[in-house]
């Protein structure tokens, strides 16, 4: 193999590796908002070793209204969202659509939700939606801004 061929092969390998991983850096960080009188917060670690860790907490009138442990894995099985609402056993949602600032996960066999969407808005806020797998059926939506720095 000549030097030019070897360079082309190495370039192709480097490019394919970069495309294989999902760039979800836009999701990482601390997000806060309010929905129907409930304070929401969602926190995502940076991606490292094919894994992002996340958690969500809802509070109403200073009392816990719900929580969820989450992770997004990116490995030989693909990019997948692992949800554990209330600490329940996980449900795995494989990624079905990825674009810059957007990721959609779907699990048609699950009762509800069947689809989980995260999207970074142009104004920098984070939009999240869970639904029944359709655009018109039952759904819940949140839009969060970056959390203010903790002062307490």
Protein backbone atom coordinates (compact mmCIF):
# COMPACT_ATOMS: atom_id res chain seq x y z
CA UNK A 1 0.00 0.00 0.00
CA UNK A 2 1.44 3.36 -0.97
CA UNK A 3 1.45 6.44 1.26
CA UNK A 4 -1.50 8.06 -0.53
CA UNK A 5 -3.69 4.94 -0.14
CA UNK A 6 -2.75 4.60 3.51
CA UNK A 7 -3.61 8.26 4.13
CA UNK A 8 -7.01 7.81 2.48
CA UNK A 9 -7.77 4.69 4.56
CA UNK A 10 -6.77 6.46 7.79
CA UNK A 11 -8.91 9.48 6.87
CA UNK A 12 -11.91 7.22 6.19
CA UNK A 13 -11.44 5.40 9.50
CA UNK A 14 -11.18 8.67 11.42
CA UNK A 15 -14.26 10.07 9.69
CA UNK A 16 -16.37 6.96 10.24
CA UNK A 17 -15.49 6.92 13.93
CA UNK A 18 -16.50 10.55 14.35
CA UNK A 19 -19.84 9.94 12.68
CA UNK A 20 -20.62 6.83 14.70
CA UNK A 21 -20.88 8.69 18.02
CA UNK A 22 -23.79 10.95 18.85
CA UNK A 23 -22.84 14.54 19.71
CA UNK A 24 -25.20 15.38 22.55
CA UNK A 25 -23.06 18.08 24.14
CA UNK A 26 -25.96 20.50 23.64
CA UNK A 27 -28.02 18.44 26.13
CA UNK A 28 -25.49 18.51 28.97
CA UNK A 29 -25.92 20.80 31.94
CA UNK A 30 -28.52 21.95 34.43
CA UNK A 31 -32.01 22.83 33.19
CA UNK A 32 -34.89 24.38 35.18
CA UNK A 33 -38.45 25.44 34.51
CA UNK A 34 -42.05 25.30 35.63
CA UNK A 35 -44.98 23.39 34.17
CA UNK A 36 -48.51 23.67 35.59
CA UNK A 37 -47.30 24.90 38.98
CA UNK A 38 -44.62 22.21 39.28
CA UNK A 39 -40.96 23.21 39.47
CA UNK A 40 -38.91 20.98 37.14
CA UNK A 41 -35.21 20.42 36.97
CA UNK A 42 -33.26 18.11 34.72
CA UNK A 43 -29.51 17.60 34.95
CA UNK A 44 -27.28 15.87 32.37
CA UNK A 45 -23.60 15.04 32.72
CA UNK A 46 -21.21 15.47 29.84
CA UNK A 47 -20.70 12.42 27.63
CA UNK A 48 -17.77 10.25 28.60
CA UNK A 49 -16.99 6.65 27.67
CA UNK A 50 -20.21 6.40 25.68
CA UNK A 51 -22.47 7.42 28.56
CA UNK A 52 -24.40 10.48 29.76
CA UNK A 53 -26.04 10.34 33.18
CA UNK A 54 -29.17 12.34 33.98
CA UNK A 55 -31.79 12.89 36.62
CA UNK A 56 -35.04 14.79 36.81
CA UNK A 57 -36.90 16.15 39.85
CA UNK A 58 -40.33 17.76 40.17
CA UNK A 59 -41.41 19.71 43.25
CA UNK A 60 -44.67 21.43 44.13
CA UNK A 61 -44.98 23.74 47.13
CA UNK A 62 -41.54 22.60 48.34
CA UNK A 63 -42.52 18.91 48.32
CA UNK A 64 -41.31 16.14 46.03
CA UNK A 65 -43.79 15.46 43.22
CA UNK A 66 -41.68 13.00 41.21
CA UNK A 67 -38.21 12.01 40.07
CA UNK A 68 -36.48 9.99 37.37
CA UNK A 69 -33.05 8.49 36.83
CA UNK A 70 -31.88 8.46 33.20
CA UNK A 71 -28.91 7.67 31.05
CA UNK A 72 -28.05 7.81 27.39
CA UNK A 73 -25.71 5.11 26.19
CA UNK A 74 -23.82 5.11 22.90
CA UNK A 75 -22.26 1.72 22.23
CA UNK A 76 -22.39 -1.22 19.82
CA UNK A 77 -26.18 -1.44 20.38
CA UNK A 78 -26.58 2.18 19.19
CA UNK A 79 -27.67 5.31 21.00
CA UNK A 80 -30.31 4.50 23.60
CA UNK A 81 -32.23 6.36 26.30
CA UNK A 82 -32.65 4.41 29.56
CA UNK A 83 -35.52 5.76 31.69
CA UNK A 84 -36.29 4.87 35.31
CA UNK A 85 -39.17 7.07 36.51
CA UNK A 86 -39.52 6.94 40.28
CA UNK A 87 -36.57 4.54 40.34
CA UNK A 88 -38.60 1.81 38.56
CA UNK A 89 -36.89 -0.82 36.38
CA UNK A 90 -35.49 0.77 33.23
CA UNK A 91 -37.25 1.07 29.91
CA UNK A 92 -34.92 1.39 26.93
CA UNK A 93 -35.77 3.67 24.01
CA UNK A 94 -33.48 3.35 20.94
CA UNK A 95 -32.66 6.56 19.06
CA UNK A 96 -34.63 6.80 15.81
CA UNK A 97 -33.67 10.30 14.68
CA UNK A 98 -30.61 12.44 15.25
CA UNK A 99 -29.72 15.87 13.91
CA UNK A 100 -27.75 18.78 15.35
CA UNK A 101 -29.64 19.86 18.47
CA UNK A 102 -32.25 17.08 18.17
CA UNK A 103 -32.60 13.49 19.28
CA UNK A 104 -35.70 11.26 19.22
CA UNK A 105 -35.99 7.92 21.03
CA UNK A 106 -38.82 5.43 20.46
CA UNK A 107 -40.07 2.25 22.09
CA UNK A 108 -43.33 1.21 20.36
CA UNK A 109 -43.86 -1.71 22.77
CA UNK A 110 -44.00 0.52 25.85
CA UNK A 111 -47.37 1.71 27.20
CA UNK A 112 -46.59 5.42 27.68
CA UNK A 113 -44.54 7.13 26.59
CA UNK A 114 -43.62 5.49 23.31
CA UNK A 115 -41.49 8.43 22.13
CA UNK A 116 -39.09 10.80 23.90
CA UNK A 117 -37.81 13.92 22.14
CA UNK A 118 -35.12 16.40 23.18
CA UNK A 119 -34.48 19.52 21.11
CA UNK A 120 -32.30 22.57 21.68
CA UNK A 121 -34.25 25.69 20.76
CA UNK A 122 -32.68 28.57 18.81
CA UNK A 123 -32.88 30.76 21.94
CA UNK A 124 -30.77 28.21 23.88
CA UNK A 125 -33.61 26.67 25.89
CA UNK A 126 -34.13 22.90 26.04
CA UNK A 127 -37.42 21.42 24.82
CA UNK A 128 -38.52 17.92 25.89
CA UNK A 129 -41.62 15.96 24.90
CA UNK A 130 -42.98 12.53 25.71
CA UNK A 131 -45.91 11.15 23.73
CA UNK A 132 -47.78 8.10 22.48
CA UNK A 133 -45.67 7.92 19.31
CA UNK A 134 -47.92 10.29 17.36
CA UNK A 135 -47.93 14.05 16.92
CA UNK A 136 -51.62 14.38 17.88
CA UNK A 137 -52.20 11.94 20.75
CA UNK A 138 -51.53 12.23 24.50
CA UNK A 139 -48.31 14.06 25.30
CA UNK A 140 -46.44 16.13 27.88
CA UNK A 141 -44.02 18.94 27.01
CA UNK A 142 -41.44 20.97 28.92
CA UNK A 143 -39.22 23.89 27.99
CA UNK A 144 -36.33 24.65 30.31
CA UNK A 145 -33.71 27.36 30.63
CA UNK A 146 -30.31 27.00 32.22
CA UNK A 147 -30.69 26.83 36.01
CA UNK A 148 -29.51 29.90 37.91
CA UNK A 149 -26.44 29.28 40.07
CA UNK A 150 -27.25 27.74 43.41
CA UNK A 151 -27.22 30.35 46.17
CA UNK A 152 -28.12 28.15 49.14
